[in-house]
Amino acid sequence: MTTAPKTVLVLCTGNSCRSQMAEVILNHDLAGQVRALSAGTRPQPKVADGAIAALHDAGLPTEGLHPKDIEAVLDEAINLVVTVCDNAKESCPIFPRPVPRIHLPFHDPHGEPLESFIQVRDDIRARLIPAVVEALGLIRNQ
């Protein structure tokens, strides 16, 4: 018996860096169990070059990544909301039905060298994956 993947929405302010990396990492590391989406409360025009480079560096796909407004995902059947910056936590929208939330802030590497983006990528992988697995009661494939 297979169960449908749980939908996780990763929220940030600009949806150009941390939330985008989190979306890709969740979809990769928890493939089949989670369908991750990301959005921003005030989306930027494009995904940060450093975020794309950090994902490429780890061999992760970046095709089709683009900042999305929270309005674009409000109709989704979301099982978990993860805010990755304090600003998004404060302005997190009210969803049509109650949705469990976790807040896991990550450093914002905007304007910093690629190494900072790589550190944030690795931090997201180290802290966000186990938090989502626990929050959704998933069984982690090793």
N, C-alpha and C. Protein backbone atom coordinates (compact mmCIF):
# COMPACT_ATOMS: atom_id res chain seq x y z
N MET A 1 0.84 -1.18 0.00
CA MET A 1 0.00 0.00 0.00
C MET A 1 0.89 1.25 0.00
N THR A 2 0.64 2.11 -0.95
CA THR A 2 1.40 3.35 -0.98
C THR A 2 0.48 4.49 -0.58
N THR A 3 1.03 5.41 0.14
CA THR A 3 0.25 6.57 0.54
C THR A 3 0.73 7.76 -0.26
N ALA A 4 -0.17 8.68 -0.49
CA ALA A 4 0.19 9.88 -1.24
C ALA A 4 1.20 10.69 -0.44
N PRO A 5 2.12 11.34 -1.14
CA PRO A 5 3.10 12.16 -0.42
C PRO A 5 2.42 13.29 0.34
N LYS A 6 3.00 13.65 1.47
CA LYS A 6 2.52 14.79 2.25
C LYS A 6 3.06 16.06 1.61
N THR A 7 2.24 17.10 1.59
CA THR A 7 2.66 18.37 1.00
C THR A 7 3.21 19.29 2.09
N VAL A 8 4.44 19.73 1.87
CA VAL A 8 5.11 20.64 2.80
C VAL A 8 5.32 21.97 2.09
N LEU A 9 4.87 23.05 2.71
CA LEU A 9 5.09 24.38 2.17
C LEU A 9 6.19 25.06 2.97
N VAL A 10 7.27 25.46 2.29
CA VAL A 10 8.36 26.18 2.93
C VAL A 10 8.18 27.66 2.62
N LEU A 11 8.04 28.46 3.67
CA LEU A 11 7.78 29.89 3.52
C LEU A 11 8.97 30.72 3.95
N CYS A 12 9.24 31.75 3.16
CA CYS A 12 10.27 32.73 3.49
C CYS A 12 9.73 34.08 3.03
N THR A 13 10.52 35.10 3.18
CA THR A 13 10.05 36.41 2.72
C THR A 13 10.19 36.53 1.21
N GLY A 14 11.42 36.40 0.71
CA GLY A 14 11.66 36.63 -0.72
C GLY A 14 11.50 35.43 -1.61
N ASN A 15 11.47 34.21 -1.03
CA ASN A 15 11.38 32.96 -1.80
C ASN A 15 12.44 32.93 -2.89
N SER A 16 13.65 33.38 -2.54
CA SER A 16 14.71 33.41 -3.55
C SER A 16 15.94 32.63 -3.13
N CYS A 17 15.96 32.11 -1.90
CA CYS A 17 17.18 31.45 -1.44
C CYS A 17 16.87 30.28 -0.52
N ARG A 18 16.68 30.56 0.78
CA ARG A 18 16.52 29.47 1.76
C ARG A 18 15.33 28.58 1.46
N SER A 19 14.19 29.17 1.18
CA SER A 19 12.99 28.36 0.93
C SER A 19 13.12 27.57 -0.37
N GLN A 20 13.80 28.15 -1.36
CA GLN A 20 14.01 27.44 -2.63
C GLN A 20 14.94 26.24 -2.41
N MET A 21 16.03 26.45 -1.67
CA MET A 21 16.95 25.34 -1.40
C MET A 21 16.22 24.26 -0.59
N ALA A 22 15.41 24.68 0.39
CA ALA A 22 14.68 23.72 1.21
C ALA A 22 13.70 22.91 0.36
N GLU A 23 13.02 23.56 -0.57
CA GLU A 23 12.08 22.86 -1.46
C GLU A 23 12.80 21.76 -2.25
N VAL A 24 13.93 22.11 -2.85
CA VAL A 24 14.69 21.14 -3.66
C VAL A 24 15.21 20.00 -2.80
N ILE A 25 15.77 20.32 -1.64
CA ILE A 25 16.36 19.30 -0.76
C ILE A 25 15.27 18.36 -0.23
N LEU A 26 14.13 18.90 0.19
CA LEU A 26 13.04 18.05 0.67
C LEU A 26 12.54 17.13 -0.45
N ASN A 27 12.34 17.69 -1.64
CA ASN A 27 11.85 16.87 -2.76
C ASN A 27 12.84 15.78 -3.14
N HIS A 28 14.13 16.07 -2.98
CA HIS A 28 15.16 15.08 -3.32
C HIS A 28 15.31 14.04 -2.22
N ASP A 29 15.54 14.50 -0.99
CA ASP A 29 15.86 13.59 0.11
C ASP A 29 14.66 12.78 0.61
N LEU A 30 13.47 13.33 0.45
CA LEU A 30 12.26 12.63 0.92
C LEU A 30 11.34 12.31 -0.26
N ALA A 31 11.93 12.06 -1.41
CA ALA A 31 11.17 11.75 -2.64
C ALA A 31 10.20 10.61 -2.37
N GLY A 32 8.97 10.78 -2.83
CA GLY A 32 7.96 9.75 -2.65
C GLY A 32 7.18 9.90 -1.36
N GLN A 33 7.77 10.56 -0.37
CA GLN A 33 7.09 10.77 0.92
C GLN A 33 6.57 12.19 1.07
N VAL A 34 7.28 13.13 0.42
CA VAL A 34 6.97 14.54 0.57
C VAL A 34 6.94 15.20 -0.80
N ARG A 35 5.99 16.11 -0.95
CA ARG A 35 5.96 17.00 -2.12
C ARG A 35 6.14 18.39 -1.54
N ALA A 36 7.31 18.96 -1.74
CA ALA A 36 7.60 20.27 -1.16
C ALA A 36 7.29 21.38 -2.16
N LEU A 37 6.76 22.46 -1.64
CA LEU A 37 6.52 23.68 -2.40
C LEU A 37 7.17 24.80 -1.60
N SER A 38 7.47 25.90 -2.27
CA SER A 38 7.95 27.05 -1.51
C SER A 38 7.26 28.30 -2.03
N ALA A 39 7.20 29.30 -1.17
CA ALA A 39 6.59 30.57 -1.54
C ALA A 39 7.13 31.65 -0.63
N GLY A 40 6.87 32.89 -1.02
CA GLY A 40 7.33 34.02 -0.24
C GLY A 40 6.22 34.98 0.08
N THR A 41 6.39 35.70 1.19
CA THR A 41 5.41 36.71 1.55
C THR A 41 5.63 37.97 0.69
N ARG A 42 6.86 38.19 0.24
CA ARG A 42 7.19 39.27 -0.70
C ARG A 42 8.24 38.73 -1.68
N PRO A 43 7.80 37.93 -2.68
CA PRO A 43 8.77 37.24 -3.55
C PRO A 43 9.66 38.19 -4.34
N GLN A 44 10.91 37.80 -4.47
CA GLN A 44 11.90 38.52 -5.26
C GLN A 44 11.70 38.19 -6.74
N PRO A 45 12.36 38.95 -7.64
CA PRO A 45 12.19 38.68 -9.08
C PRO A 45 12.78 37.35 -9.53
N LYS A 46 13.84 36.88 -8.86
CA LYS A 46 14.45 35.62 -9.31
C LYS A 46 15.12 34.90 -8.15
N VAL A 47 15.42 33.63 -8.37
CA VAL A 47 16.13 32.85 -7.36
C VAL A 47 17.58 33.32 -7.33
N ALA A 48 18.14 33.44 -6.14
CA ALA A 48 19.52 33.92 -5.98
C ALA A 48 20.51 33.00 -6.70
N ASP A 49 21.45 33.61 -7.39
CA ASP A 49 22.48 32.84 -8.10
C ASP A 49 23.24 31.92 -7.15
N GLY A 50 23.52 32.41 -5.94
CA GLY A 50 24.24 31.59 -4.96
C GLY A 50 23.46 30.35 -4.56
N ALA A 51 22.14 30.46 -4.47
CA ALA A 51 21.30 29.31 -4.13
C ALA A 51 21.35 28.28 -5.25
N ILE A 52 21.26 28.76 -6.49
CA ILE A 52 21.33 27.85 -7.66
C ILE A 52 22.69 27.15 -7.67
N ALA A 53 23.76 27.93 -7.47
CA ALA A 53 25.12 27.37 -7.50
C ALA A 53 25.32 26.35 -6.38
N ALA A 54 24.79 26.63 -5.19
CA ALA A 54 24.94 25.71 -4.06
C ALA A 54 24.19 24.41 -4.33
N LEU A 55 23.02 24.50 -4.96
CA LEU A 55 22.26 23.29 -5.30
C LEU A 55 22.99 22.49 -6.38
N HIS A 56 23.49 23.18 -7.41
CA HIS A 56 24.27 22.50 -8.46
C HIS A 56 25.49 21.80 -7.86
N ASP A 57 26.14 22.47 -6.91
CA ASP A 57 27.34 21.93 -6.26
C ASP A 57 27.04 20.59 -5.59
N ALA A 58 25.80 20.41 -5.13
CA ALA A 58 25.41 19.16 -4.47
C ALA A 58 24.76 18.18 -5.45
N GLY A 59 24.75 18.54 -6.74
CA GLY A 59 24.16 17.66 -7.75
C GLY A 59 22.64 17.65 -7.72
N LEU A 60 22.04 18.72 -7.22
CA LEU A 60 20.58 18.80 -7.11
C LEU A 60 19.99 19.59 -8.28
N PRO A 61 18.77 19.25 -8.71
CA PRO A 61 18.15 19.92 -9.85
C PRO A 61 17.65 21.32 -9.51
N THR A 62 17.76 22.24 -10.46
CA THR A 62 17.28 23.61 -10.23
C THR A 62 16.35 24.09 -11.35
N GLU A 63 16.10 23.24 -12.31
CA GLU A 63 15.26 23.65 -13.44
C GLU A 63 13.86 24.03 -12.96
N GLY A 64 13.39 25.15 -13.47
CA GLY A 64 12.03 25.58 -13.16
C GLY A 64 11.86 26.31 -11.84
N LEU A 65 12.93 26.49 -11.09
CA LEU A 65 12.80 27.22 -9.81
C LEU A 65 12.52 28.69 -10.09
N HIS A 66 11.52 29.22 -9.42
CA HIS A 66 11.22 30.65 -9.52
C HIS A 66 10.45 31.06 -8.27
N PRO A 67 10.67 32.30 -7.81
CA PRO A 67 9.94 32.78 -6.63
C PRO A 67 8.44 32.82 -6.89
N LYS A 68 7.68 32.38 -5.88
CA LYS A 68 6.23 32.36 -5.99
C LYS A 68 5.62 33.10 -4.80
N ASP A 69 4.51 33.76 -5.05
CA ASP A 69 3.79 34.43 -3.98
C ASP A 69 2.97 33.41 -3.21
N ILE A 70 2.80 33.65 -1.94
CA ILE A 70 2.02 32.76 -1.09
C ILE A 70 0.62 32.52 -1.66
N GLU A 71 0.06 33.53 -2.33
CA GLU A 71 -1.28 33.40 -2.92
C GLU A 71 -1.35 32.23 -3.90
N ALA A 72 -0.24 31.93 -4.56
CA ALA A 72 -0.21 30.89 -5.59
C ALA A 72 -0.39 29.49 -5.01
N VAL A 73 -0.17 29.32 -3.71
CA VAL A 73 -0.23 27.98 -3.13
C VAL A 73 -1.30 27.82 -2.04
N LEU A 74 -2.10 28.86 -1.82
CA LEU A 74 -3.09 28.80 -0.74
C LEU A 74 -4.16 27.73 -0.95
N ASP A 75 -4.41 27.36 -2.20
CA ASP A 75 -5.44 26.35 -2.47
C ASP A 75 -4.91 24.92 -2.36
N GLU A 76 -3.61 24.76 -2.19
CA GLU A 76 -3.03 23.42 -2.07
C GLU A 76 -3.46 22.76 -0.75
N ALA A 77 -3.55 21.44 -0.76
CA ALA A 77 -3.84 20.70 0.48
C ALA A 77 -2.52 20.50 1.22
N ILE A 78 -2.19 21.45 2.07
CA ILE A 78 -0.88 21.47 2.73
C ILE A 78 -0.96 20.72 4.07
N ASN A 79 0.02 19.84 4.29
CA ASN A 79 0.07 19.06 5.53
C ASN A 79 0.97 19.69 6.59
N LEU A 80 1.91 20.54 6.15
CA LEU A 80 2.86 21.15 7.09
C LEU A 80 3.39 22.43 6.48
N VAL A 81 3.45 23.48 7.30
CA VAL A 81 4.09 24.73 6.88
C VAL A 81 5.38 24.88 7.67
N VAL A 82 6.47 25.18 6.97
CA VAL A 82 7.75 25.43 7.62
C VAL A 82 8.16 26.86 7.28
N THR A 83 8.33 27.70 8.30
CA THR A 83 8.86 29.04 8.05
C THR A 83 10.36 28.99 8.33
N VAL A 84 11.14 29.57 7.40
CA VAL A 84 12.59 29.49 7.52
C VAL A 84 13.24 30.85 7.78
N CYS A 85 12.39 31.87 7.97
CA CYS A 85 12.93 33.17 8.40
C CYS A 85 11.92 33.80 9.34
N ASP A 86 12.41 34.61 10.27
CA ASP A 86 11.54 35.18 11.30
C ASP A 86 10.46 36.06 10.70
N ASN A 87 10.80 36.79 9.63
CA ASN A 87 9.82 37.68 9.01
C ASN A 87 8.63 36.90 8.46
N ALA A 88 8.90 35.76 7.81
CA ALA A 88 7.81 34.94 7.27
C ALA A 88 6.96 34.37 8.40
N LYS A 89 7.59 34.04 9.51
CA LYS A 89 6.84 33.52 10.66
C LYS A 89 5.85 34.56 11.15
N GLU A 90 6.30 35.81 11.21
CA GLU A 90 5.43 36.89 11.70
C GLU A 90 4.28 37.16 10.75
N SER A 91 4.53 37.04 9.44
CA SER A 91 3.49 37.38 8.47
C SER A 91 2.90 36.15 7.80
N CYS A 92 3.03 34.99 8.42
CA CYS A 92 2.49 33.76 7.86
C CYS A 92 0.98 33.90 7.71
N PRO A 93 0.46 33.59 6.53
CA PRO A 93 -0.97 33.79 6.30
C PRO A 93 -1.83 32.78 7.06
N ILE A 94 -3.08 33.10 7.15
CA ILE A 94 -4.04 32.17 7.73
C ILE A 94 -4.52 31.28 6.59
N PHE A 95 -4.41 29.99 6.77
CA PHE A 95 -4.82 29.06 5.73
C PHE A 95 -6.30 28.72 5.90
N PRO A 96 -6.95 28.27 4.81
CA PRO A 96 -8.38 27.96 4.88
C PRO A 96 -8.72 26.91 5.95
N ARG A 97 -7.75 26.06 6.30
CA ARG A 97 -7.98 25.07 7.35
C ARG A 97 -6.73 25.06 8.23
N PRO A 98 -6.84 24.56 9.46
CA PRO A 98 -5.67 24.54 10.34
C PRO A 98 -4.56 23.68 9.75
N VAL A 99 -3.36 24.20 9.76
CA VAL A 99 -2.20 23.48 9.23
C VAL A 99 -1.10 23.51 10.29
N PRO A 100 -0.53 22.34 10.61
CA PRO A 100 0.59 22.35 11.55
C PRO A 100 1.75 23.18 11.00
N ARG A 101 2.45 23.86 11.91
CA ARG A 101 3.58 24.71 11.49
C ARG A 101 4.79 24.42 12.35
N ILE A 102 5.94 24.53 11.72
CA ILE A 102 7.18 24.55 12.48
C ILE A 102 8.00 25.73 11.99
N HIS A 103 8.74 26.32 12.90
CA HIS A 103 9.60 27.46 12.55
C HIS A 103 11.04 27.03 12.75
N LEU A 104 11.80 27.09 11.67
CA LEU A 104 13.20 26.67 11.69
C LEU A 104 14.01 27.74 10.95
N PRO A 105 14.48 28.76 11.65
CA PRO A 105 15.19 29.84 10.95
C PRO A 105 16.58 29.42 10.49
N PHE A 106 16.95 29.90 9.31
CA PHE A 106 18.28 29.68 8.76
C PHE A 106 18.90 31.02 8.42
N HIS A 107 20.22 31.08 8.48
CA HIS A 107 20.97 32.28 8.13
C HIS A 107 20.65 32.69 6.70
N ASP A 108 20.53 34.00 6.47
CA ASP A 108 20.29 34.51 5.12
C ASP A 108 21.64 34.84 4.48
N PRO A 109 22.07 34.07 3.47
CA PRO A 109 23.38 34.28 2.87
C PRO A 109 23.42 35.32 1.75
N HIS A 110 22.31 36.03 1.50
CA HIS A 110 22.29 37.00 0.40
C HIS A 110 23.46 37.96 0.48
N GLY A 111 24.12 38.17 -0.65
CA GLY A 111 25.24 39.10 -0.72
C GLY A 111 26.54 38.53 -0.20
N GLU A 112 26.53 37.28 0.24
CA GLU A 112 27.73 36.66 0.77
C GLU A 112 28.32 35.70 -0.28
N PRO A 113 29.56 35.24 -0.07
CA PRO A 113 30.17 34.33 -1.05
C PRO A 113 29.47 32.97 -1.11
N LEU A 114 29.74 32.23 -2.16
CA LEU A 114 29.13 30.93 -2.39
C LEU A 114 29.26 30.01 -1.17
N GLU A 115 30.39 30.09 -0.46
CA GLU A 115 30.59 29.23 0.72
C GLU A 115 29.45 29.40 1.72
N SER A 116 28.93 30.62 1.87
CA SER A 116 27.82 30.86 2.81
C SER A 116 26.56 30.14 2.35
N PHE A 117 26.30 30.18 1.05
CA PHE A 117 25.13 29.49 0.51
C PHE A 117 25.27 27.97 0.72
N ILE A 118 26.49 27.46 0.53
CA ILE A 118 26.73 26.03 0.72
C ILE A 118 26.53 25.64 2.19
N GLN A 119 27.00 26.50 3.12
CA GLN A 119 26.79 26.22 4.55
C GLN A 119 25.31 26.21 4.89
N VAL A 120 24.55 27.15 4.33
CA VAL A 120 23.11 27.20 4.60
C VAL A 120 22.43 25.97 3.98
N ARG A 121 22.84 25.59 2.77
CA ARG A 121 22.29 24.38 2.14
C ARG A 121 22.51 23.16 3.03
N ASP A 122 23.73 23.01 3.55
CA ASP A 122 24.05 21.86 4.39
C ASP A 122 23.31 21.93 5.73
N ASP A 123 23.12 23.14 6.24
CA ASP A 123 22.38 23.33 7.49
C ASP A 123 20.91 22.95 7.29
N ILE A 124 20.34 23.35 6.15
CA ILE A 124 18.96 22.99 5.83
C ILE A 124 18.83 21.47 5.78
N ARG A 125 19.76 20.83 5.10
CA ARG A 125 19.71 19.36 4.99
C ARG A 125 19.84 18.71 6.36
N ALA A 126 20.72 19.22 7.19
CA ALA A 126 20.99 18.62 8.51
C ALA A 126 19.83 18.82 9.49
N ARG A 127 19.17 19.98 9.45
CA ARG A 127 18.15 20.28 10.45
C ARG A 127 16.72 20.14 9.95
N LEU A 128 16.47 20.50 8.68
CA LEU A 128 15.10 20.51 8.18
C LEU A 128 14.58 19.11 7.88
N ILE A 129 15.41 18.27 7.27
CA ILE A 129 14.95 16.91 6.93
C ILE A 129 14.46 16.16 8.18
N PRO A 130 15.28 16.07 9.26
CA PRO A 130 14.79 15.36 10.45
C PRO A 130 13.56 16.03 11.07
N ALA A 131 13.48 17.36 11.02
CA ALA A 131 12.33 18.06 11.61
C ALA A 131 11.05 17.73 10.85
N VAL A 132 11.12 17.68 9.52
CA VAL A 132 9.94 17.36 8.71
C VAL A 132 9.56 15.89 8.89
N VAL A 133 10.56 15.01 8.92
CA VAL A 133 10.30 13.58 9.15
C VAL A 133 9.56 13.40 10.47
N GLU A 134 10.03 14.09 11.51
CA GLU A 134 9.39 13.98 12.83
C GLU A 134 8.00 14.59 12.83
N ALA A 135 7.87 15.79 12.26
CA ALA A 135 6.58 16.49 12.27
C ALA A 135 5.49 15.71 11.52
N LEU A 136 5.88 15.03 10.47
CA LEU A 136 4.90 14.28 9.66
C LEU A 136 4.83 12.80 10.02
N GLY A 137 5.68 12.36 10.94
CA GLY A 137 5.68 10.96 11.33
C GLY A 137 6.12 10.02 10.21
N LEU A 138 7.08 10.47 9.40
CA LEU A 138 7.56 9.66 8.28
C LEU A 138 8.60 8.65 8.75
N ILE A 139 8.83 7.67 7.94
CA ILE A 139 9.91 6.71 8.19
C ILE A 139 11.03 7.08 7.23
N ARG A 140 12.17 7.39 7.78
CA ARG A 140 13.29 7.87 6.97
C ARG A 140 13.99 6.70 6.29
N ASN A 141 14.08 6.78 4.96
CA ASN A 141 14.84 5.78 4.20
C ASN A 141 16.31 6.14 4.29
N GLN A 142 17.13 5.18 4.63
CA GLN A 142 18.56 5.47 4.74
C GLN A 142 19.27 5.14 3.45
